Amino acid sequence: MCLAVPARIVDLDDDRAVVDAMGNRWNCRTTLTPDVKLGDIVLIHAGFAITTIDEEEAQKTWELIAEFDEFQKEQEKGSPID
């Protein structure tokens, strides 16, 4: 399964960017989104920013990721989920 993750551009130099998603940072390329600017939120897939999205959509996705993380932690503990 492929997944694009929303991340905020925190450093930008030509078509190279550093992005942040929920405190995790990594490098990506903005070759496919040449009009992005510092602070924009982009969807990252396979190391490339593929499109921009708004704050509200990004927040929804980050919340779902956090819920999944909590679910996974509960499963690892063997505790029942409400």
N, C-alpha and C. Protein backbone atom coordinates (compact mmCIF):
# COMPACT_ATOMS: atom_id res chain seq x y z
N MET A 1 0.84 -1.17 0.00
CA MET A 1 0.00 0.00 0.00
C MET A 1 0.89 1.23 0.00
N CYS A 2 0.51 2.24 -0.75
CA CYS A 2 1.24 3.50 -0.81
C CYS A 2 0.48 4.54 -0.02
N LEU A 3 1.22 5.41 0.62
CA LEU A 3 0.61 6.43 1.45
C LEU A 3 1.35 7.74 1.26
N ALA A 4 0.63 8.82 1.06
CA ALA A 4 1.22 10.15 1.03
C ALA A 4 0.96 10.79 2.38
N VAL A 5 1.98 11.41 2.94
CA VAL A 5 1.90 11.97 4.28
C VAL A 5 1.98 13.49 4.20
N PRO A 6 1.07 14.20 4.89
CA PRO A 6 1.17 15.66 4.89
C PRO A 6 2.32 16.11 5.78
N ALA A 7 3.06 17.10 5.31
CA ALA A 7 4.19 17.65 6.06
C ALA A 7 4.37 19.12 5.70
N ARG A 8 4.83 19.89 6.68
CA ARG A 8 5.06 21.32 6.47
C ARG A 8 6.50 21.55 6.03
N ILE A 9 6.68 22.40 5.03
CA ILE A 9 8.02 22.74 4.57
C ILE A 9 8.65 23.69 5.60
N VAL A 10 9.78 23.25 6.18
CA VAL A 10 10.45 24.06 7.20
C VAL A 10 11.78 24.63 6.70
N ASP A 11 12.27 24.12 5.58
CA ASP A 11 13.48 24.66 4.95
C ASP A 11 13.35 24.39 3.46
N LEU A 12 13.72 25.36 2.66
CA LEU A 12 13.54 25.23 1.22
C LEU A 12 14.71 25.88 0.51
N ASP A 13 15.36 25.11 -0.36
CA ASP A 13 16.48 25.60 -1.15
C ASP A 13 16.34 25.02 -2.55
N ASP A 14 15.92 25.87 -3.48
CA ASP A 14 15.66 25.45 -4.85
C ASP A 14 14.59 24.35 -4.83
N ASP A 15 14.89 23.14 -5.30
CA ASP A 15 13.87 22.08 -5.27
C ASP A 15 14.15 21.05 -4.18
N ARG A 16 14.91 21.44 -3.19
CA ARG A 16 15.20 20.57 -2.04
C ARG A 16 14.57 21.18 -0.80
N ALA A 17 13.89 20.34 -0.05
CA ALA A 17 13.20 20.85 1.14
C ALA A 17 13.42 19.91 2.32
N VAL A 18 13.27 20.48 3.50
CA VAL A 18 13.15 19.70 4.72
C VAL A 18 11.71 19.89 5.16
N VAL A 19 11.03 18.79 5.45
CA VAL A 19 9.63 18.87 5.86
C VAL A 19 9.47 18.28 7.26
N ASP A 20 8.40 18.69 7.93
CA ASP A 20 8.11 18.23 9.28
C ASP A 20 6.68 17.72 9.33
N ALA A 21 6.54 16.49 9.82
CA ALA A 21 5.22 15.91 10.03
C ALA A 21 5.19 15.34 11.44
N MET A 22 4.43 15.98 12.30
CA MET A 22 4.24 15.50 13.66
C MET A 22 5.58 15.34 14.40
N GLY A 23 6.51 16.26 14.15
CA GLY A 23 7.80 16.23 14.83
C GLY A 23 8.86 15.40 14.14
N ASN A 24 8.50 14.72 13.08
CA ASN A 24 9.46 13.93 12.30
C ASN A 24 9.88 14.76 11.09
N ARG A 25 11.18 14.86 10.88
CA ARG A 25 11.69 15.65 9.75
C ARG A 25 12.45 14.77 8.79
N TRP A 26 12.32 15.09 7.52
CA TRP A 26 13.09 14.41 6.50
C TRP A 26 13.21 15.29 5.27
N ASN A 27 14.11 14.89 4.38
CA ASN A 27 14.36 15.63 3.14
C ASN A 27 13.40 15.16 2.06
N CYS A 28 13.04 16.09 1.20
CA CYS A 28 12.24 15.72 0.03
C CYS A 28 12.58 16.66 -1.10
N ARG A 29 12.06 16.35 -2.26
CA ARG A 29 12.24 17.20 -3.43
C ARG A 29 10.90 17.84 -3.77
N THR A 30 10.98 19.07 -4.27
CA THR A 30 9.77 19.81 -4.65
C THR A 30 9.70 20.00 -6.17
N THR A 31 10.39 19.18 -6.89
CA THR A 31 10.43 19.26 -8.35
C THR A 31 9.03 19.24 -8.96
N LEU A 32 8.12 18.45 -8.39
CA LEU A 32 6.77 18.31 -8.93
C LEU A 32 5.83 19.42 -8.48
N THR A 33 6.28 20.22 -7.51
CA THR A 33 5.47 21.33 -6.97
C THR A 33 6.33 22.59 -6.93
N PRO A 34 6.69 23.14 -8.09
CA PRO A 34 7.65 24.23 -8.15
C PRO A 34 7.20 25.54 -7.49
N ASP A 35 5.91 25.71 -7.24
CA ASP A 35 5.42 26.96 -6.67
C ASP A 35 5.31 26.95 -5.15
N VAL A 36 5.73 25.86 -4.49
CA VAL A 36 5.61 25.81 -3.03
C VAL A 36 6.56 26.81 -2.39
N LYS A 37 6.20 27.18 -1.16
CA LYS A 37 7.04 28.12 -0.42
C LYS A 37 7.17 27.65 1.03
N LEU A 38 8.09 28.24 1.72
CA LEU A 38 8.32 27.93 3.12
C LEU A 38 7.02 28.04 3.90
N GLY A 39 6.70 27.04 4.71
CA GLY A 39 5.48 27.04 5.50
C GLY A 39 4.31 26.32 4.87
N ASP A 40 4.38 26.07 3.56
CA ASP A 40 3.30 25.33 2.90
C ASP A 40 3.24 23.90 3.44
N ILE A 41 2.05 23.33 3.37
CA ILE A 41 1.87 21.93 3.72
C ILE A 41 1.70 21.16 2.42
N VAL A 42 2.49 20.11 2.28
CA VAL A 42 2.49 19.32 1.06
C VAL A 42 2.27 17.85 1.40
N LEU A 43 1.79 17.10 0.43
CA LEU A 43 1.73 15.65 0.58
C LEU A 43 3.04 15.09 0.05
N ILE A 44 3.68 14.25 0.88
CA ILE A 44 4.96 13.65 0.51
C ILE A 44 4.73 12.19 0.14
N HIS A 45 5.24 11.81 -1.01
CA HIS A 45 5.16 10.41 -1.45
C HIS A 45 6.47 10.07 -2.15
N ALA A 46 7.11 9.02 -1.68
CA ALA A 46 8.35 8.52 -2.29
C ALA A 46 9.42 9.61 -2.39
N GLY A 47 9.46 10.47 -1.37
CA GLY A 47 10.49 11.49 -1.32
C GLY A 47 10.21 12.75 -2.12
N PHE A 48 8.99 12.85 -2.66
CA PHE A 48 8.62 14.03 -3.45
C PHE A 48 7.36 14.68 -2.89
N ALA A 49 7.34 16.00 -2.90
CA ALA A 49 6.11 16.74 -2.62
C ALA A 49 5.26 16.63 -3.88
N ILE A 50 4.05 16.08 -3.74
CA ILE A 50 3.24 15.85 -4.95
C ILE A 50 2.10 16.84 -5.12
N THR A 51 1.72 17.53 -4.03
CA THR A 51 0.70 18.56 -4.11
C THR A 51 0.66 19.32 -2.78
N THR A 52 0.05 20.48 -2.79
CA THR A 52 -0.15 21.20 -1.54
C THR A 52 -1.54 20.89 -1.01
N ILE A 53 -1.70 20.98 0.30
CA ILE A 53 -3.02 20.82 0.92
C ILE A 53 -3.18 21.88 1.99
N ASP A 54 -4.42 22.10 2.41
CA ASP A 54 -4.65 23.12 3.42
C ASP A 54 -4.46 22.55 4.83
N GLU A 55 -4.35 23.44 5.77
CA GLU A 55 -4.08 23.09 7.18
C GLU A 55 -5.14 22.14 7.73
N GLU A 56 -6.40 22.38 7.41
CA GLU A 56 -7.49 21.56 7.94
C GLU A 56 -7.37 20.10 7.50
N GLU A 57 -7.10 19.89 6.21
CA GLU A 57 -6.95 18.52 5.71
C GLU A 57 -5.73 17.84 6.33
N ALA A 58 -4.64 18.58 6.45
CA ALA A 58 -3.44 18.01 7.06
C ALA A 58 -3.72 17.62 8.50
N GLN A 59 -4.41 18.48 9.23
CA GLN A 59 -4.71 18.20 10.63
C GLN A 59 -5.55 16.93 10.78
N LYS A 60 -6.52 16.75 9.91
CA LYS A 60 -7.35 15.53 9.94
C LYS A 60 -6.48 14.28 9.77
N THR A 61 -5.57 14.34 8.83
CA THR A 61 -4.70 13.19 8.59
C THR A 61 -3.77 12.94 9.76
N TRP A 62 -3.19 14.02 10.33
CA TRP A 62 -2.30 13.86 11.48
C TRP A 62 -3.06 13.25 12.66
N GLU A 63 -4.31 13.64 12.84
CA GLU A 63 -5.12 13.07 13.92
C GLU A 63 -5.37 11.58 13.70
N LEU A 64 -5.65 11.20 12.46
CA LEU A 64 -5.84 9.77 12.15
C LEU A 64 -4.57 8.97 12.40
N ILE A 65 -3.44 9.53 12.04
CA ILE A 65 -2.16 8.86 12.28
C ILE A 65 -1.94 8.68 13.77
N ALA A 66 -2.25 9.71 14.55
CA ALA A 66 -2.09 9.62 16.01
C ALA A 66 -3.03 8.56 16.60
N GLU A 67 -4.26 8.49 16.09
CA GLU A 67 -5.20 7.47 16.55
C GLU A 67 -4.68 6.07 16.23
N PHE A 68 -4.14 5.90 15.05
CA PHE A 68 -3.59 4.61 14.66
C PHE A 68 -2.43 4.23 15.58
N ASP A 69 -1.59 5.21 15.88
CA ASP A 69 -0.46 4.96 16.78
C ASP A 69 -0.94 4.50 18.15
N GLU A 70 -1.96 5.16 18.68
CA GLU A 70 -2.53 4.77 19.98
C GLU A 70 -3.13 3.37 19.92
N PHE A 71 -3.83 3.07 18.84
CA PHE A 71 -4.42 1.74 18.66
C PHE A 71 -3.32 0.67 18.64
N GLN A 72 -2.27 0.95 17.92
CA GLN A 72 -1.16 0.00 17.82
C GLN A 72 -0.52 -0.22 19.19
N LYS A 73 -0.34 0.84 19.97
CA LYS A 73 0.24 0.71 21.31
C LYS A 73 -0.66 -0.15 22.20
N GLU A 74 -1.96 0.04 22.11
CA GLU A 74 -2.90 -0.76 22.90
C GLU A 74 -2.84 -2.23 22.48
N GLN A 75 -2.72 -2.47 21.20
CA GLN A 75 -2.64 -3.85 20.70
C GLN A 75 -1.37 -4.53 21.21
N GLU A 76 -0.29 -3.79 21.25
CA GLU A 76 0.98 -4.35 21.73
C GLU A 76 0.92 -4.69 23.21
N LYS A 77 0.12 -3.91 23.98
CA LYS A 77 -0.05 -4.19 25.40
C LYS A 77 -0.99 -5.37 25.63
N GLY A 78 -1.81 -5.66 24.64
CA GLY A 78 -2.81 -6.72 24.80
C GLY A 78 -4.04 -6.25 25.51
N SER A 79 -4.23 -4.94 25.64
CA SER A 79 -5.39 -4.39 26.32
C SER A 79 -6.56 -4.28 25.36
N PRO A 80 -7.77 -4.54 25.88
CA PRO A 80 -8.95 -4.35 25.02
C PRO A 80 -9.18 -2.87 24.72
N ILE A 81 -9.71 -2.61 23.56
CA ILE A 81 -10.03 -1.26 23.13
C ILE A 81 -11.52 -1.02 23.36
N ASP A 82 -11.88 0.14 23.87
CA ASP A 82 -13.29 0.47 24.09
C ASP A 82 -14.00 0.67 22.79
